[in-house]
Amino acid sequence: MTATRRPIALAAAVATAAALGATVFALPALAADSTAPDGAAAAAPKPALKDGTLEWGVKESFRKYLASSFSGGKITVKDGATQAPDNGVFTFVNGRGTYDTATHGTDTAFEGGVNFYAHGGVLDITLSDVKLSTTGTGGAITADVATPEGTRNDVAFAALDLSAVKPGQGAGGAMVFKDIPATLTKAGSEAFNGQYKEGDALDPATLSVKAVSAPTTEPTRKPTTEPTGKPTTKPTGKPTTEPTGKPASTASPSPSAAVTDKPAAADRGAIGDGTLDWGVKKSFRTYVTGPIAHGKVETTAGATASGDGYRFPDATGHFDADKQTLDADFDGKVRFLGHEENGVHTLDLSLTGMEIQVNGTKGTLIADVSTKDRETRKVSTYTGLAVADLKLPKGELAAEGGVVTLSAVPTTLTADGTKAFGGMYQAGEPLDALTVAVALDKDAALPGGTGSTGSTGPAGGSTATGGGSVGGGAVGGSGSLAATGSDVPAGALIAASGAVVATGAGAVIAARRRRIG
């Protein structure tokens, strides 16, 4: 098994450099020969690592949130750490560690720390003593976490996957592993008080390390693995492009749908009924109802709350299959309220007059918006504001049984849409996917209680309120990232910065839709 280990693993790269006695890492990096005599690995010294750097931004959306006027936050690096311009990633420096020739694992500790501060000290978190470890093709990032309530050491945040990372050679002979995929661990989820789930994507990490010295023993045995290790793994490193290819593969079903399959009566006409299911942005909902904003969400004028968003009913408008256009207006209003001060909510955002405009594969979500500036308390209103861009797949917009359906359509925030959130999010930020179902025939049956946002709520207006606790603990005081998951008011704030979008594998338009590409 050891002989077939992928050569792109960091541990294998260090092993090769040490075994060759080189001052720079050799490419390709190869694992140690598993046929070595018993005790050979145990007798070999543990090469030291030096001059290590770790480039890691923790989570980009969190940094953006702290930089917004909404949070009044700031980020401060210290003890040698640096931050790239334009609110970029952090670099932790002077990494030192060891390589274990028996387990092929590495451990590197870095200098530098970073402090996250917002909401007048409600959030005050410092990460320091950042470490990166690897085992085979996996690894982890840990850090000490300090808040005004205390410090917890070696909190595991990120799981690393080096299986598809190709090593490169950096300055001074350093071995560089660029953009290592990082995901949240179970311990990291607990540190974030469960507001991020285990497996959620974090910023990728870039590691650079050098070998302090190289032993002169075993110089001939390990290079013999080069011919067999090199060709077997490079092809398997390429699947990092798979995520961009999958949507194309999911579009292959129903390639034979024909225009003539559509009922003639559904080619065009006025829309008699329909629904729009949309959650706006999951992390924003979590923030509003969480222990920072202590807010609530109200649905009125026919809109209803669902388990994962809101339903806007009573569609009117027009559909034209020949022109591939759809224009539908919906009733209902959703209002987000938070940060109550002296009986008045300083966070107050309302969306009503929802409208979908589709032309071929392009679309726009439009709304009437009322939003309050948290600093000035000034209320601004926008009529017919283009809030989100819709990304529809190529193919034919068609009706099925007198109903046109757009299912799980990805949406992104427009430049104008940023006004609704007071600059909290930037243009291009992913929002929740939406689902639309409109009827062209008064007798057509709309999907009941289904869609991108799940089942519908009560028939009348409803209110979703935020609880006063997270993870079973009362909320108050300063932010905490305690790994126990208790008393963490920062949890919802951090979750609010996450780019959580239910994009699925791609939008689906009608059951008999013809898909291309």
Protein backbone atom coordinates (compact mmCIF):
# COMPACT_ATOMS: atom_id res chain seq x y z
CA MET A 1 0.00 0.00 0.00
CA THR A 2 2.83 2.41 0.89
CA ALA A 3 4.40 2.02 -2.53
CA THR A 4 1.25 3.26 -4.22
CA ARG A 5 0.93 6.38 -2.07
CA ARG A 6 0.38 9.51 -4.22
CA PRO A 7 3.73 11.27 -4.84
CA ILE A 8 2.16 14.68 -4.41
CA ALA A 9 1.77 14.27 -0.66
CA LEU A 10 3.75 16.77 1.39
CA ALA A 11 5.20 14.09 3.62
CA ALA A 12 6.51 12.19 0.61
CA ALA A 13 8.07 15.35 -0.79
CA VAL A 14 9.96 16.00 2.42
CA ALA A 15 11.05 12.38 2.58
CA THR A 16 12.53 12.56 -0.91
CA ALA A 17 14.38 15.78 -0.24
CA ALA A 18 15.86 14.42 2.95
CA ALA A 19 16.83 11.10 1.42
CA LEU A 20 18.55 12.72 -1.56
CA GLY A 21 20.63 14.96 0.65
CA ALA A 22 19.47 17.96 -1.40
CA THR A 23 19.32 21.55 -0.30
CA VAL A 24 16.18 21.95 -2.38
CA PHE A 25 13.19 19.66 -2.72
CA ALA A 26 13.34 17.26 -5.62
CA LEU A 27 10.49 16.96 -8.15
CA PRO A 28 8.57 14.80 -8.44
CA ALA A 29 8.22 14.07 -4.76
CA LEU A 30 8.00 10.37 -3.96
CA ALA A 31 7.09 8.25 -0.98
CA ALA A 32 9.62 6.10 0.81
CA ASP A 33 10.12 2.56 -0.46
CA SER A 34 7.86 0.26 1.52
CA THR A 35 10.32 -2.61 0.98
CA ALA A 36 12.97 -1.01 3.20
CA PRO A 37 14.48 -3.41 5.76
CA ASP A 38 12.79 -3.60 9.12
CA GLY A 39 13.98 -0.84 11.41
CA ALA A 40 15.36 1.35 8.63
CA ALA A 41 12.66 3.98 9.04
CA ALA A 42 12.95 3.95 12.79
CA ALA A 43 16.72 4.42 12.59
CA ALA A 44 16.50 7.38 10.24
CA PRO A 45 16.67 10.83 11.83
CA LYS A 46 13.73 13.21 11.77
CA PRO A 47 14.57 16.00 9.32
CA ALA A 48 13.82 19.48 10.59
CA LEU A 49 11.76 22.00 8.64
CA LYS A 50 12.47 25.73 8.58
CA ASP A 51 11.49 29.02 6.94
CA GLY A 52 7.89 27.92 6.61
CA THR A 53 5.06 30.22 5.62
CA LEU A 54 1.33 29.61 5.69
CA GLU A 55 -0.95 31.78 3.57
CA TRP A 56 -4.53 31.35 4.76
CA GLY A 57 -7.45 33.77 4.93
CA VAL A 58 -9.64 31.70 7.33
CA LYS A 59 -12.84 32.63 5.41
CA GLU A 60 -13.08 35.38 2.81
CA SER A 61 -16.73 36.24 3.44
CA PHE A 62 -15.99 36.70 7.14
CA ARG A 63 -13.23 39.19 6.31
CA LYS A 64 -15.58 41.07 3.99
CA TYR A 65 -18.21 41.28 6.69
CA LEU A 66 -15.77 42.74 9.21
CA ALA A 67 -14.71 45.34 6.64
CA SER A 68 -18.29 46.52 6.07
CA SER A 69 -19.73 49.57 7.76
CA PHE A 70 -22.50 47.35 9.05
CA SER A 71 -20.23 45.59 11.55
CA GLY A 72 -17.94 48.52 12.34
CA GLY A 73 -15.20 45.94 12.50
CA LYS A 74 -11.49 45.74 11.88
CA ILE A 75 -8.79 43.12 11.43
CA THR A 76 -5.38 43.50 13.06
CA VAL A 77 -2.37 41.29 12.40
CA LYS A 78 0.45 41.01 14.91
CA ASP A 79 3.65 39.21 15.93
CA GLY A 80 5.01 39.07 12.40
CA ALA A 81 1.89 38.02 10.55
CA THR A 82 0.87 40.12 7.56
CA GLN A 83 -2.31 40.65 5.55
CA ALA A 84 -2.39 41.07 1.78
CA PRO A 85 -3.75 44.37 0.40
CA ASP A 86 -7.47 44.89 -0.16
CA ASN A 87 -8.49 42.78 2.84
CA GLY A 88 -6.60 39.79 1.51
CA VAL A 89 -5.33 36.61 3.12
CA PHE A 90 -2.98 36.35 6.10
CA THR A 91 0.60 35.10 6.02
CA PHE A 92 1.98 33.37 9.10
CA VAL A 93 5.76 33.23 9.09
CA ASN A 94 8.97 31.62 10.41
CA GLY A 95 7.45 28.17 10.37
CA ARG A 96 9.52 25.46 12.03
CA GLY A 97 8.77 21.81 12.48
CA THR A 98 9.71 18.24 11.75
CA TYR A 99 9.11 15.43 9.33
CA ASP A 100 8.44 11.97 10.75
CA THR A 101 10.02 9.37 8.48
CA ALA A 102 8.08 6.58 10.18
CA THR A 103 4.60 8.03 9.64
CA HIS A 104 5.42 10.37 6.72
CA GLY A 105 3.75 13.16 8.66
CA THR A 106 4.80 16.78 9.15
CA ASP A 107 4.16 19.30 11.90
CA THR A 108 4.93 22.98 11.39
CA ALA A 109 4.22 25.85 13.81
CA PHE A 110 4.15 29.45 12.61
CA GLU A 111 4.63 32.86 14.16
CA GLY A 112 2.01 35.58 13.97
CA GLY A 113 -1.55 36.19 15.00
CA VAL A 114 -4.70 37.94 13.83
CA ASN A 115 -7.42 39.72 15.79
CA PHE A 116 -11.03 40.06 14.61
CA TYR A 117 -12.95 42.89 16.25
CA ALA A 118 -16.51 44.13 15.59
CA HIS A 119 -19.68 45.55 17.12
CA GLY A 120 -17.84 47.57 19.75
CA GLY A 121 -16.14 44.51 21.21
CA VAL A 122 -19.06 42.09 21.13
CA LEU A 123 -16.83 40.18 18.75
CA ASP A 124 -13.18 40.15 19.87
CA ILE A 125 -11.25 37.06 18.79
CA THR A 126 -7.53 36.44 18.36
CA LEU A 127 -6.02 33.47 16.54
CA SER A 128 -2.38 32.65 17.25
CA ASP A 129 0.09 29.76 17.43
CA VAL A 130 -1.21 28.55 14.10
CA LYS A 131 -0.01 25.08 13.16
CA LEU A 132 -0.30 22.90 10.09
CA SER A 133 0.12 19.15 10.19
CA THR A 134 -0.04 16.51 7.48
CA THR A 135 -0.50 12.77 7.43
CA GLY A 136 -0.19 11.13 4.04
CA THR A 137 -2.47 13.09 1.71
CA GLY A 138 -4.49 14.71 4.49
CA GLY A 139 -3.82 17.29 7.16
CA ALA A 140 -5.22 19.90 9.54
CA ILE A 141 -4.83 23.52 10.66
CA THR A 142 -5.09 24.30 14.37
CA ALA A 143 -4.82 27.55 16.34
CA ASP A 144 -5.06 28.98 19.84
CA VAL A 145 -8.24 31.03 20.23
CA ALA A 146 -8.35 33.95 22.68
CA THR A 147 -11.39 36.02 23.67
CA PRO A 148 -12.02 38.25 26.71
CA GLU A 149 -13.42 35.13 28.35
CA GLY A 150 -10.21 33.13 28.06
CA THR A 151 -8.03 31.10 25.71
CA ARG A 152 -8.38 27.61 24.30
CA ASN A 153 -5.31 25.99 22.80
CA ASP A 154 -4.96 23.93 19.64
CA VAL A 155 -8.52 24.24 18.40
CA ALA A 156 -8.78 22.28 15.17
CA PHE A 157 -10.44 24.38 12.47
CA ALA A 158 -9.62 22.97 9.07
CA ALA A 159 -9.15 19.57 7.48
CA LEU A 160 -6.78 19.62 4.51
CA ASP A 161 -6.83 17.47 1.37
CA LEU A 162 -3.47 17.25 -0.42
CA SER A 163 -4.46 14.34 -2.66
CA ALA A 164 -4.93 16.55 -5.72
CA VAL A 165 -2.33 19.23 -4.98
CA LYS A 166 0.73 19.29 -7.22
CA PRO A 167 3.92 20.45 -5.46
CA GLY A 168 5.95 23.28 -6.91
CA GLN A 169 9.38 24.75 -6.21
CA GLY A 170 9.55 28.16 -4.59
CA ALA A 171 12.31 30.64 -3.83
CA GLY A 172 15.39 29.29 -2.12
CA GLY A 173 14.50 25.70 -2.85
CA ALA A 174 11.28 25.69 -0.86
CA MET A 175 8.64 23.12 -1.62
CA VAL A 176 5.33 24.94 -2.18
CA PHE A 177 1.89 23.36 -1.92
CA LYS A 178 -0.50 25.96 -3.33
CA ASP A 179 -4.22 26.27 -2.65
CA ILE A 180 -4.72 23.19 -0.50
CA PRO A 181 -8.49 22.66 -0.17
CA ALA A 182 -9.64 23.25 3.41
CA THR A 183 -12.92 22.26 5.01
CA LEU A 184 -14.35 22.75 8.47
CA THR A 185 -13.79 19.90 10.90
CA LYS A 186 -16.19 18.71 13.57
CA ALA A 187 -14.13 20.52 16.20
CA GLY A 188 -14.15 23.61 14.00
CA SER A 189 -17.91 23.43 13.72
CA GLU A 190 -18.13 23.31 17.50
CA ALA A 191 -15.74 26.26 17.71
CA PHE A 192 -18.11 28.16 15.44
CA ASN A 193 -20.94 27.02 17.67
CA GLY A 194 -22.45 24.93 14.89
CA GLN A 195 -23.24 27.92 12.67
CA TYR A 196 -20.97 26.35 10.06
CA LYS A 197 -21.37 22.64 9.42
CA GLU A 198 -18.63 20.06 9.34
CA GLY A 199 -17.38 19.88 5.76
CA ASP A 200 -18.16 23.51 4.87
CA ALA A 201 -15.50 25.06 2.65
CA LEU A 202 -12.96 27.46 4.17
CA ASP A 203 -10.29 29.45 2.36
CA PRO A 204 -7.61 27.27 0.72
CA ALA A 205 -4.18 27.24 2.34
CA THR A 206 -0.75 27.59 0.73
CA LEU A 207 2.21 26.01 2.52
CA SER A 208 5.91 26.60 1.86
CA VAL A 209 8.65 24.73 3.76
CA LYS A 210 12.35 23.94 3.52
CA ALA A 211 14.43 21.11 4.90
CA VAL A 212 17.08 22.27 7.39
CA SER A 213 19.48 19.49 6.51
CA ALA A 214 19.44 16.20 4.72
CA PRO A 215 20.90 12.93 5.99
CA THR A 216 23.39 11.11 3.80
CA THR A 217 21.99 7.66 4.61
CA GLU A 218 19.88 5.68 2.18
CA PRO A 219 20.70 7.86 -0.84
CA THR A 220 20.16 5.12 -3.43
CA ARG A 221 17.07 3.28 -2.21
CA LYS A 222 14.41 6.00 -2.35
CA PRO A 223 15.20 7.42 -5.80
CA THR A 224 14.41 3.99 -7.27
CA THR A 225 10.72 4.66 -6.62
CA GLU A 226 10.74 7.62 -9.04
CA PRO A 227 9.86 5.70 -12.23
CA THR A 228 6.90 3.90 -10.65
CA GLY A 229 5.53 6.75 -8.54
CA LYS A 230 5.58 9.53 -11.09
CA PRO A 231 3.20 8.35 -13.82
CA THR A 232 0.58 6.74 -11.59
CA THR A 233 -0.47 9.81 -9.70
CA LYS A 234 -0.27 12.86 -11.96
CA PRO A 235 -3.42 11.93 -13.90
CA THR A 236 -5.31 11.52 -10.64
CA GLY A 237 -4.29 15.00 -9.51
CA LYS A 238 -6.27 16.64 -12.28
CA PRO A 239 -9.77 15.94 -10.91
CA THR A 240 -9.62 19.29 -9.10
CA THR A 241 -11.53 20.56 -12.13
CA GLU A 242 -14.39 18.13 -11.57
CA PRO A 243 -16.67 20.56 -9.77
CA THR A 244 -16.83 22.76 -12.87
CA GLY A 245 -17.54 19.77 -15.03
CA LYS A 246 -20.34 18.22 -13.00
CA PRO A 247 -23.04 20.69 -13.90
CA ALA A 248 -22.47 19.77 -17.53
CA SER A 249 -22.88 16.09 -16.76
CA THR A 250 -26.06 16.65 -14.82
CA ALA A 251 -27.47 18.45 -17.82
CA SER A 252 -27.31 15.32 -19.94
CA PRO A 253 -30.65 13.78 -18.90
CA SER A 254 -33.59 14.62 -21.12
CA PRO A 255 -31.52 15.68 -24.16
CA SER A 256 -34.22 14.51 -26.55
CA ALA A 257 -37.01 16.80 -25.39
CA ALA A 258 -38.68 18.36 -28.40
CA VAL A 259 -40.51 21.64 -28.96
CA THR A 260 -43.44 19.73 -30.38
CA ASP A 261 -43.94 17.96 -27.04
CA LYS A 262 -45.37 21.15 -25.49
CA PRO A 263 -49.12 21.53 -25.25
CA ALA A 264 -50.20 24.14 -27.78
CA ALA A 265 -52.24 26.00 -25.19
CA ALA A 266 -49.07 26.51 -23.10
CA ASP A 267 -46.97 28.20 -25.78
CA ARG A 268 -47.81 31.65 -24.50
CA GLY A 269 -50.36 33.52 -22.49
CA ALA A 270 -51.22 35.37 -19.32
CA ILE A 271 -50.13 33.94 -15.99
CA GLY A 272 -53.10 33.12 -13.80
CA ASP A 273 -51.35 31.97 -10.64
CA GLY A 274 -47.96 31.01 -9.31
CA THR A 275 -45.45 31.08 -6.47
CA LEU A 276 -41.91 32.25 -5.86
CA ASP A 277 -39.85 30.42 -3.21
CA TRP A 278 -36.73 32.25 -2.06
CA GLY A 279 -34.77 32.51 1.17
CA VAL A 280 -32.84 35.71 0.26
CA LYS A 281 -29.57 34.55 1.90
CA LYS A 282 -29.31 31.82 4.50
CA SER A 283 -26.42 33.35 6.41
CA PHE A 284 -28.26 36.69 6.56
CA ARG A 285 -31.35 35.00 8.01
CA THR A 286 -29.15 33.26 10.55
CA TYR A 287 -27.52 36.55 11.50
CA VAL A 288 -30.83 38.42 11.91
CA THR A 289 -32.36 35.80 14.18
CA GLY A 290 -29.10 34.93 15.95
CA PRO A 291 -27.58 36.12 19.21
CA ILE A 292 -25.89 39.20 17.72
CA ALA A 293 -28.88 40.92 16.10
CA HIS A 294 -31.46 39.23 18.39
CA GLY A 295 -33.98 39.88 15.65
CA LYS A 296 -36.94 38.41 13.84
CA VAL A 297 -38.39 38.00 10.35
CA GLU A 298 -41.99 38.97 9.56
CA THR A 299 -43.99 37.80 6.54
CA THR A 300 -47.16 39.67 5.58
CA ALA A 301 -49.42 40.52 2.60
CA GLY A 302 -49.77 36.86 1.67
CA ALA A 303 -46.14 35.81 1.98
CA THR A 304 -45.49 32.84 4.26
CA ALA A 305 -42.44 31.52 6.05
CA SER A 306 -41.18 28.07 5.17
CA GLY A 307 -38.60 25.87 6.80
CA ASP A 308 -35.82 27.37 4.72
CA GLY A 309 -37.11 30.63 3.29
CA TYR A 310 -40.29 32.40 2.16
CA ARG A 311 -43.07 31.86 -0.38
CA PHE A 312 -44.53 34.74 -2.38
CA PRO A 313 -47.91 33.82 -3.98
CA ASP A 314 -50.54 34.96 -6.51
CA ALA A 315 -48.39 35.42 -9.58
CA THR A 316 -49.53 37.53 -12.53
CA GLY A 317 -47.72 38.30 -15.75
CA HIS A 318 -47.00 36.80 -19.15
CA PHE A 319 -45.10 33.89 -20.71
CA ASP A 320 -44.03 33.50 -24.35
CA ALA A 321 -42.42 30.22 -25.38
CA ASP A 322 -41.48 31.48 -28.86
CA LYS A 323 -39.60 34.48 -27.50
CA GLN A 324 -38.41 32.51 -24.47
CA THR A 325 -39.53 35.23 -22.08
CA LEU A 326 -41.24 35.15 -18.71
CA ASP A 327 -42.36 38.12 -16.63
CA ALA A 328 -44.10 37.35 -13.35
CA ASP A 329 -45.07 39.52 -10.36
CA PHE A 330 -45.80 38.09 -6.90
CA ASP A 331 -47.62 39.29 -3.79
CA GLY A 332 -46.20 39.23 -0.29
CA LYS A 333 -43.72 41.02 1.90
CA VAL A 334 -40.82 39.90 4.08
CA ARG A 335 -39.27 42.16 6.69
CA PHE A 336 -36.01 41.60 8.60
CA LEU A 337 -35.70 43.34 11.98
CA GLY A 338 -32.73 43.28 14.35
CA HIS A 339 -30.52 45.20 16.78
CA GLU A 340 -33.34 46.67 18.85
CA GLU A 341 -32.36 49.82 20.74
CA ASN A 342 -34.90 51.57 22.96
CA GLY A 343 -37.76 49.81 21.22
CA VAL A 344 -36.52 50.64 17.70
CA HIS A 345 -34.77 48.22 15.36
CA THR A 346 -31.69 49.73 13.75
CA LEU A 347 -31.62 46.86 11.26
CA ASP A 348 -34.83 47.11 9.21
CA LEU A 349 -35.01 45.67 5.70
CA SER A 350 -38.24 44.99 3.76
CA LEU A 351 -38.70 43.29 0.40
CA THR A 352 -42.00 43.41 -1.46
CA GLY A 353 -43.29 43.70 -5.04
CA MET A 354 -41.22 40.68 -6.05
CA GLU A 355 -40.85 40.22 -9.82
CA ILE A 356 -39.03 37.73 -12.05
CA GLN A 357 -37.92 38.73 -15.55
CA VAL A 358 -36.45 35.98 -17.75
CA ASN A 359 -35.16 36.23 -21.30
CA GLY A 360 -33.56 33.00 -22.50
CA THR A 361 -30.79 32.04 -20.10
CA LYS A 362 -30.65 35.43 -18.40
CA GLY A 363 -32.92 36.63 -15.67
CA THR A 364 -33.35 39.25 -12.96
CA LEU A 365 -35.09 39.29 -9.60
CA ILE A 366 -36.65 42.70 -8.92
CA ALA A 367 -38.14 44.02 -5.68
CA ASP A 368 -39.33 47.16 -3.93
CA VAL A 369 -36.88 47.70 -1.08
CA SER A 370 -36.99 49.65 2.15
CA THR A 371 -33.79 49.64 4.18
CA LYS A 372 -32.46 51.55 7.18
CA ASP A 373 -28.88 52.74 7.59
CA ARG A 374 -27.76 51.48 10.99
CA GLU A 375 -25.48 54.45 11.63
CA THR A 376 -27.60 57.37 10.43
CA ARG A 377 -31.00 55.66 11.01
CA LYS A 378 -32.06 57.05 7.64
CA VAL A 379 -34.60 54.91 5.74
CA SER A 380 -34.11 54.60 1.98
CA THR A 381 -36.69 53.19 -0.42
CA TYR A 382 -36.07 51.80 -3.90
CA THR A 383 -38.85 50.90 -6.33
CA GLY A 384 -38.17 48.19 -8.88
CA LEU A 385 -34.63 47.56 -7.67
CA ALA A 386 -32.75 44.82 -9.53
CA VAL A 387 -31.66 42.77 -6.53
CA ALA A 388 -30.30 39.57 -8.04
CA ASP A 389 -29.10 38.11 -11.32
CA LEU A 390 -30.42 34.67 -12.25
CA LYS A 391 -28.31 32.05 -13.99
CA LEU A 392 -30.45 29.70 -16.05
CA PRO A 393 -29.14 26.75 -18.07
CA LYS A 394 -29.20 26.71 -21.84
CA GLY A 395 -32.24 25.13 -23.40
CA GLU A 396 -35.89 25.72 -24.02
CA LEU A 397 -38.18 27.46 -21.57
CA ALA A 398 -41.28 25.28 -21.72
CA ALA A 399 -44.50 24.47 -19.94
CA GLU A 400 -45.53 21.12 -18.52
CA GLY A 401 -49.21 20.55 -17.91
CA GLY A 402 -49.85 24.26 -18.20
CA VAL A 403 -47.16 25.13 -15.63
CA VAL A 404 -43.76 26.74 -16.24
CA THR A 405 -41.24 25.80 -13.55
CA LEU A 406 -37.82 27.23 -12.76
CA SER A 407 -36.24 25.03 -10.12
CA ALA A 408 -33.28 25.85 -7.85
CA VAL A 409 -32.01 28.71 -10.01
CA PRO A 410 -28.69 30.14 -8.72
CA THR A 411 -28.81 33.85 -7.86
CA THR A 412 -26.12 36.45 -7.22
CA LEU A 413 -26.31 39.94 -5.77
CA THR A 414 -26.30 42.82 -8.26
CA ALA A 415 -24.45 46.11 -7.80
CA ASP A 416 -27.79 47.83 -7.14
CA GLY A 417 -28.80 45.04 -4.79
CA THR A 418 -25.93 45.89 -2.43
CA LYS A 419 -27.94 49.00 -1.44
CA ALA A 420 -30.52 46.78 0.24
CA PHE A 421 -27.89 45.38 2.62
CA GLY A 422 -26.09 48.65 3.31
CA GLY A 423 -22.87 47.40 1.77
CA MET A 424 -22.80 44.30 3.97
CA TYR A 425 -22.32 42.17 0.85
CA GLN A 426 -20.56 42.96 -2.41
CA ALA A 427 -21.83 42.61 -5.97
CA GLY A 428 -21.54 39.02 -7.17
CA GLU A 429 -22.11 37.55 -3.70
CA PRO A 430 -24.07 34.28 -3.98
CA LEU A 431 -27.61 34.44 -2.63
CA ASP A 432 -30.06 31.61 -2.06
CA ALA A 433 -31.32 29.71 -5.08
CA LEU A 434 -34.96 30.35 -6.01
CA THR A 435 -37.81 28.30 -7.44
CA VAL A 436 -40.69 29.67 -9.50
CA ALA A 437 -43.85 27.87 -10.65
CA VAL A 438 -46.46 29.78 -12.69
CA ALA A 439 -49.70 28.50 -14.21
CA LEU A 440 -50.92 29.44 -17.69
CA ASP A 441 -54.15 27.49 -17.29
CA LYS A 442 -56.58 28.25 -14.49
CA ASP A 443 -57.12 24.51 -14.05
CA ALA A 444 -53.40 23.70 -13.93
CA ALA A 445 -52.11 22.28 -10.64
CA LEU A 446 -49.18 24.12 -9.11
CA PRO A 447 -46.63 22.12 -7.12
CA GLY A 448 -48.02 21.89 -3.61
CA GLY A 449 -45.73 22.81 -0.77
CA THR A 450 -42.57 22.11 -2.74
CA GLY A 451 -39.75 24.09 -4.21
CA SER A 452 -36.30 25.28 -3.32
CA THR A 453 -37.37 26.44 0.10
CA GLY A 454 -39.31 23.40 1.26
CA SER A 455 -42.83 23.32 2.65
CA THR A 456 -44.86 26.46 3.08
CA GLY A 457 -45.77 28.10 6.33
CA PRO A 458 -49.18 29.11 7.65
CA ALA A 459 -51.69 30.75 5.37
CA GLY A 460 -51.43 34.17 6.96
CA GLY A 461 -48.53 36.35 7.99
CA SER A 462 -46.00 34.83 10.31
CA THR A 463 -42.99 35.78 12.37
CA ALA A 464 -39.74 33.90 12.84
CA THR A 465 -37.93 35.05 15.95
CA GLY A 466 -34.37 34.47 17.00
CA GLY A 467 -33.66 32.54 20.15
CA GLY A 468 -31.57 33.95 22.91
CA SER A 469 -29.16 31.07 23.05
CA VAL A 470 -26.84 29.13 20.81
CA GLY A 471 -25.70 25.64 21.50
CA GLY A 472 -27.78 25.45 24.65
CA GLY A 473 -26.04 28.30 26.45
CA ALA A 474 -27.30 31.75 27.34
CA VAL A 475 -25.89 34.49 25.18
CA GLY A 476 -24.22 37.62 26.43
CA GLY A 477 -20.93 39.40 26.84
CA SER A 478 -18.10 39.11 24.39
CA GLY A 479 -17.75 36.74 21.46
CA SER A 480 -16.29 33.33 22.11
CA LEU A 481 -15.07 30.51 19.94
CA ALA A 482 -14.82 28.00 22.74
CA ALA A 483 -14.55 24.50 21.36
CA THR A 484 -17.17 23.34 23.84
CA GLY A 485 -19.76 25.22 21.79
CA SER A 486 -21.30 26.99 24.78
CA ASP A 487 -22.03 30.69 25.19
CA VAL A 488 -20.82 31.79 21.78
CA PRO A 489 -22.48 35.03 20.67
CA ALA A 490 -19.99 35.31 17.84
CA GLY A 491 -21.30 32.14 16.24
CA ALA A 492 -24.18 33.66 14.35
CA LEU A 493 -22.07 36.64 13.31
CA ILE A 494 -19.48 34.37 11.81
CA ALA A 495 -22.17 32.32 10.14
CA ALA A 496 -23.64 35.52 8.70
CA SER A 497 -20.45 36.02 6.76
CA GLY A 498 -20.60 32.61 5.14
CA ALA A 499 -21.40 32.25 1.49
CA VAL A 500 -24.04 29.59 1.88
CA VAL A 501 -25.91 29.08 -1.36
CA ALA A 502 -28.21 26.21 -2.35
CA THR A 503 -27.19 26.20 -5.98
CA GLY A 504 -27.57 22.47 -6.47
CA ALA A 505 -26.23 21.00 -9.67
CA GLY A 506 -27.96 23.57 -11.85
CA ALA A 507 -31.36 25.00 -12.59
CA VAL A 508 -34.06 22.83 -14.10
CA ILE A 509 -36.66 24.33 -16.38
CA ALA A 510 -39.75 22.14 -16.87
CA ALA A 511 -39.85 18.37 -17.01
CA ARG A 512 -39.53 18.13 -20.78
CA ARG A 513 -36.91 20.84 -21.12
CA ARG A 514 -34.25 20.41 -23.80
CA ARG A 515 -30.79 20.99 -22.37
CA ILE A 516 -27.67 21.98 -24.24
CA GLY A 517 -24.06 21.82 -23.05
